[in-house]
Amino acid sequence: MKCLTCNVQMVGRSDKKFCSMSCKNQYHFERKKETKDEVKIIDSYLHRNREILMVLMGKYGKLMTKKIVLDQANFRWDYCTGLYKNKEGKQFYLVYDFAYCQFTNGEVMLIRKSK
């Protein structure tokens, strides 16, 4: 059996995967690093979307705007933190404490969750 990190031939138990704790730690660090990097990118998109909504809304709790305004601010439509369908069947996309609903006429309703 060879170590999964450094490929050193090991002696001992047949189910042993690593020759040392440092090799084990390095292996798991590298595996998690890829996932962490992907999560960082997605998280930055979500935070940017929230920042755009926060700036547009100002002190308003509810606001109608044009989709193009969000497009020009580089809003990423394909990233949200959740979905909600109201009683009327309208789909709302959640971005942390904000929600938005797109209409066919190119308008978007923005809503801030009350604190």
C-alpha atoms as a PDB file:
ATOM      1  CA  MET A   1       0.000   0.000   0.000  1.00  0.00           C
ATOM      2  CA  LYS A   2       1.274   3.509  -0.869  1.00  0.00           C
ATOM      3  CA  CYS A   3       0.589   6.813   0.880  1.00  0.00           C
ATOM      4  CA  LEU A   4      -2.117   8.795  -0.941  1.00  0.00           C
ATOM      5  CA  THR A   5      -0.103  12.016  -0.600  1.00  0.00           C
ATOM      6  CA  CYS A   6       3.569  11.202  -1.152  1.00  0.00           C
ATOM      7  CA  ASN A   7       3.391   7.654  -2.645  1.00  0.00           C
ATOM      8  CA  VAL A   8       5.817   6.225  -0.052  1.00  0.00           C
ATOM      9  CA  GLN A   9       5.473   2.455   0.418  1.00  0.00           C
ATOM     10  CA  MET A  10       3.919   1.787   3.838  1.00  0.00           C
ATOM     11  CA  VAL A  11       4.197  -1.095   6.252  1.00  0.00           C
ATOM     12  CA  GLY A  12       1.470  -1.955   8.734  1.00  0.00           C
ATOM     13  CA  ARG A  13      -2.285  -2.222   8.581  1.00  0.00           C
ATOM     14  CA  SER A  14      -3.774  -3.057   5.200  1.00  0.00           C
ATOM     15  CA  ASP A  15      -6.328  -0.213   5.425  1.00  0.00           C
ATOM     16  CA  LYS A  16      -3.716   2.467   6.199  1.00  0.00           C
ATOM     17  CA  LYS A  17      -3.900   5.367   3.704  1.00  0.00           C
ATOM     18  CA  PHE A  18      -1.226   7.808   4.891  1.00  0.00           C
ATOM     19  CA  CYS A  19       2.349   7.407   6.100  1.00  0.00           C
ATOM     20  CA  SER A  20       2.115  10.298   8.582  1.00  0.00           C
ATOM     21  CA  MET A  21      -0.248  12.839  10.111  1.00  0.00           C
ATOM     22  CA  SER A  22       1.284  15.578   7.962  1.00  0.00           C
ATOM     23  CA  CYS A  23       0.479  13.626   4.771  1.00  0.00           C
ATOM     24  CA  LYS A  24      -3.062  13.028   6.028  1.00  0.00           C
ATOM     25  CA  ASN A  25      -3.502  16.727   6.836  1.00  0.00           C
ATOM     26  CA  GLN A  26      -2.064  17.792   3.470  1.00  0.00           C
ATOM     27  CA  TYR A  27      -4.394  15.419   1.593  1.00  0.00           C
ATOM     28  CA  HIS A  28      -7.537  16.712   3.318  1.00  0.00           C
ATOM     29  CA  PHE A  29      -6.400  20.345   3.071  1.00  0.00           C
ATOM     30  CA  GLU A  30      -5.983  20.045  -0.714  1.00  0.00           C
ATOM     31  CA  ARG A  31      -9.377  18.346  -1.112  1.00  0.00           C
ATOM     32  CA  LYS A  32     -11.183  21.032   0.881  1.00  0.00           C
ATOM     33  CA  LYS A  33      -9.273  23.876  -0.784  1.00  0.00           C
ATOM     34  CA  GLU A  34     -10.962  23.222  -4.149  1.00  0.00           C
ATOM     35  CA  THR A  35     -14.404  23.361  -2.547  1.00  0.00           C
ATOM     36  CA  LYS A  36     -13.538  26.461  -0.519  1.00  0.00           C
ATOM     37  CA  ASP A  37     -12.350  28.279  -3.646  1.00  0.00           C
ATOM     38  CA  GLU A  38     -15.622  27.511  -5.465  1.00  0.00           C
ATOM     39  CA  VAL A  39     -17.676  28.609  -2.453  1.00  0.00           C
ATOM     40  CA  LYS A  40     -15.697  31.868  -2.197  1.00  0.00           C
ATOM     41  CA  ILE A  41     -16.534  32.741  -5.799  1.00  0.00           C
ATOM     42  CA  ILE A  42     -20.247  31.998  -5.391  1.00  0.00           C
ATOM     43  CA  ASP A  43     -20.339  33.836  -2.074  1.00  0.00           C
ATOM     44  CA  SER A  44     -18.770  36.905  -3.681  1.00  0.00           C
ATOM     45  CA  TYR A  45     -21.497  36.874  -6.380  1.00  0.00           C
ATOM     46  CA  LEU A  46     -24.202  36.678  -3.713  1.00  0.00           C
ATOM     47  CA  HIS A  47     -22.694  39.492  -1.658  1.00  0.00           C
ATOM     48  CA  ARG A  48     -22.347  41.639  -4.777  1.00  0.00           C
ATOM     49  CA  ASN A  49     -26.011  40.991  -5.661  1.00  0.00           C
ATOM     50  CA  ARG A  50     -27.040  41.997  -2.142  1.00  0.00           C
ATOM     51  CA  GLU A  51     -24.956  45.155  -2.332  1.00  0.00           C
ATOM     52  CA  ILE A  52     -26.600  46.116  -5.649  1.00  0.00           C
ATOM     53  CA  LEU A  53     -30.083  45.585  -4.176  1.00  0.00           C
ATOM     54  CA  MET A  54     -29.186  47.529  -1.037  1.00  0.00           C
ATOM     55  CA  VAL A  55     -27.904  50.530  -3.023  1.00  0.00           C
ATOM     56  CA  LEU A  56     -30.916  50.554  -5.358  1.00  0.00           C
ATOM     57  CA  MET A  57     -33.470  50.306  -2.586  1.00  0.00           C
ATOM     58  CA  GLY A  58     -31.989  52.859  -0.218  1.00  0.00           C
ATOM     59  CA  LYS A  59     -34.495  53.301   2.625  1.00  0.00           C
ATOM     60  CA  TYR A  60     -37.460  51.849   0.731  1.00  0.00           C
ATOM     61  CA  GLY A  61     -39.003  48.563   1.818  1.00  0.00           C
ATOM     62  CA  LYS A  62     -40.493  47.877  -1.617  1.00  0.00           C
ATOM     63  CA  LEU A  63     -39.470  49.275  -4.995  1.00  0.00           C
ATOM     64  CA  MET A  64     -40.266  48.707  -8.677  1.00  0.00           C
ATOM     65  CA  THR A  65     -37.381  49.096 -11.123  1.00  0.00           C
ATOM     66  CA  LYS A  66     -36.447  48.040 -14.640  1.00  0.00           C
ATOM     67  CA  LYS A  67     -34.508  44.839 -15.262  1.00  0.00           C
ATOM     68  CA  ILE A  68     -32.000  46.789 -17.341  1.00  0.00           C
ATOM     69  CA  VAL A  69     -31.000  48.842 -14.271  1.00  0.00           C
ATOM     70  CA  LEU A  70     -29.939  45.648 -12.507  1.00  0.00           C
ATOM     71  CA  ASP A  71     -28.267  44.358 -15.684  1.00  0.00           C
ATOM     72  CA  GLN A  72     -26.204  47.542 -15.951  1.00  0.00           C
ATOM     73  CA  ALA A  73     -25.080  47.085 -12.336  1.00  0.00           C
ATOM     74  CA  ASN A  74     -23.836  43.572 -13.289  1.00  0.00           C
ATOM     75  CA  PHE A  75     -26.473  41.817 -11.192  1.00  0.00           C
ATOM     76  CA  ARG A  76     -26.050  38.039 -11.508  1.00  0.00           C
ATOM     77  CA  TRP A  77     -29.543  36.642 -12.039  1.00  0.00           C
ATOM     78  CA  ASP A  78     -28.472  33.017 -11.702  1.00  0.00           C
ATOM     79  CA  TYR A  79     -27.296  33.353  -8.082  1.00  0.00           C
ATOM     80  CA  CYS A  80     -29.733  33.553  -5.166  1.00  0.00           C
ATOM     81  CA  THR A  81     -29.966  32.190  -1.626  1.00  0.00           C
ATOM     82  CA  GLY A  82     -33.498  30.830  -1.904  1.00  0.00           C
ATOM     83  CA  LEU A  83     -36.829  30.731  -3.706  1.00  0.00           C
ATOM     84  CA  TYR A  84     -40.316  31.605  -2.517  1.00  0.00           C
ATOM     85  CA  LYS A  85     -43.662  31.275  -4.252  1.00  0.00           C
ATOM     86  CA  ASN A  86     -46.447  33.502  -2.913  1.00  0.00           C
ATOM     87  CA  LYS A  87     -50.180  32.694  -2.752  1.00  0.00           C
ATOM     88  CA  GLU A  88     -50.711  34.155  -6.224  1.00  0.00           C
ATOM     89  CA  GLY A  89     -48.060  31.824  -7.660  1.00  0.00           C
ATOM     90  CA  LYS A  90     -45.411  34.493  -8.287  1.00  0.00           C
ATOM     91  CA  GLN A  91     -41.833  33.288  -7.921  1.00  0.00           C
ATOM     92  CA  PHE A  92     -39.590  35.393  -5.672  1.00  0.00           C
ATOM     93  CA  TYR A  93     -35.836  34.969  -5.619  1.00  0.00           C
ATOM     94  CA  LEU A  94     -34.139  35.626  -2.293  1.00  0.00           C
ATOM     95  CA  VAL A  95     -30.730  37.208  -1.806  1.00  0.00           C
ATOM     96  CA  TYR A  96     -30.165  37.128   1.947  1.00  0.00           C
ATOM     97  CA  ASP A  97     -32.597  39.725   3.378  1.00  0.00           C
ATOM     98  CA  PHE A  98     -33.845  40.914  -0.035  1.00  0.00           C
ATOM     99  CA  ALA A  99     -36.283  39.400  -2.527  1.00  0.00           C
ATOM    100  CA  TYR A 100     -37.090  40.185  -6.129  1.00  0.00           C
ATOM    101  CA  CYS A 101     -39.760  39.140  -8.601  1.00  0.00           C
ATOM    102  CA  GLN A 102     -39.421  39.602 -12.361  1.00  0.00           C
ATOM    103  CA  PHE A 103     -42.395  40.560 -14.511  1.00  0.00           C
ATOM    104  CA  THR A 104     -42.850  40.001 -18.246  1.00  0.00           C
ATOM    105  CA  ASN A 105     -42.900  43.753 -18.961  1.00  0.00           C
ATOM    106  CA  GLY A 106     -39.230  44.058 -17.938  1.00  0.00           C
ATOM    107  CA  GLU A 107     -39.940  45.369 -14.464  1.00  0.00           C
ATOM    108  CA  VAL A 108     -38.608  43.902 -11.253  1.00  0.00           C
ATOM    109  CA  MET A 109     -40.166  44.258  -7.816  1.00  0.00           C
ATOM    110  CA  LEU A 110     -37.570  44.553  -5.060  1.00  0.00           C
ATOM    111  CA  ILE A 111     -38.495  43.860  -1.451  1.00  0.00           C
ATOM    112  CA  ARG A 112     -36.424  44.208   1.695  1.00  0.00           C
ATOM    113  CA  LYS A 113     -37.275  41.840   4.518  1.00  0.00           C
ATOM    114  CA  SER A 114     -38.320  43.856   7.556  1.00  0.00           C
ATOM    115  CA  LYS A 115     -36.064  43.613  10.591  1.00  0.00           C
END
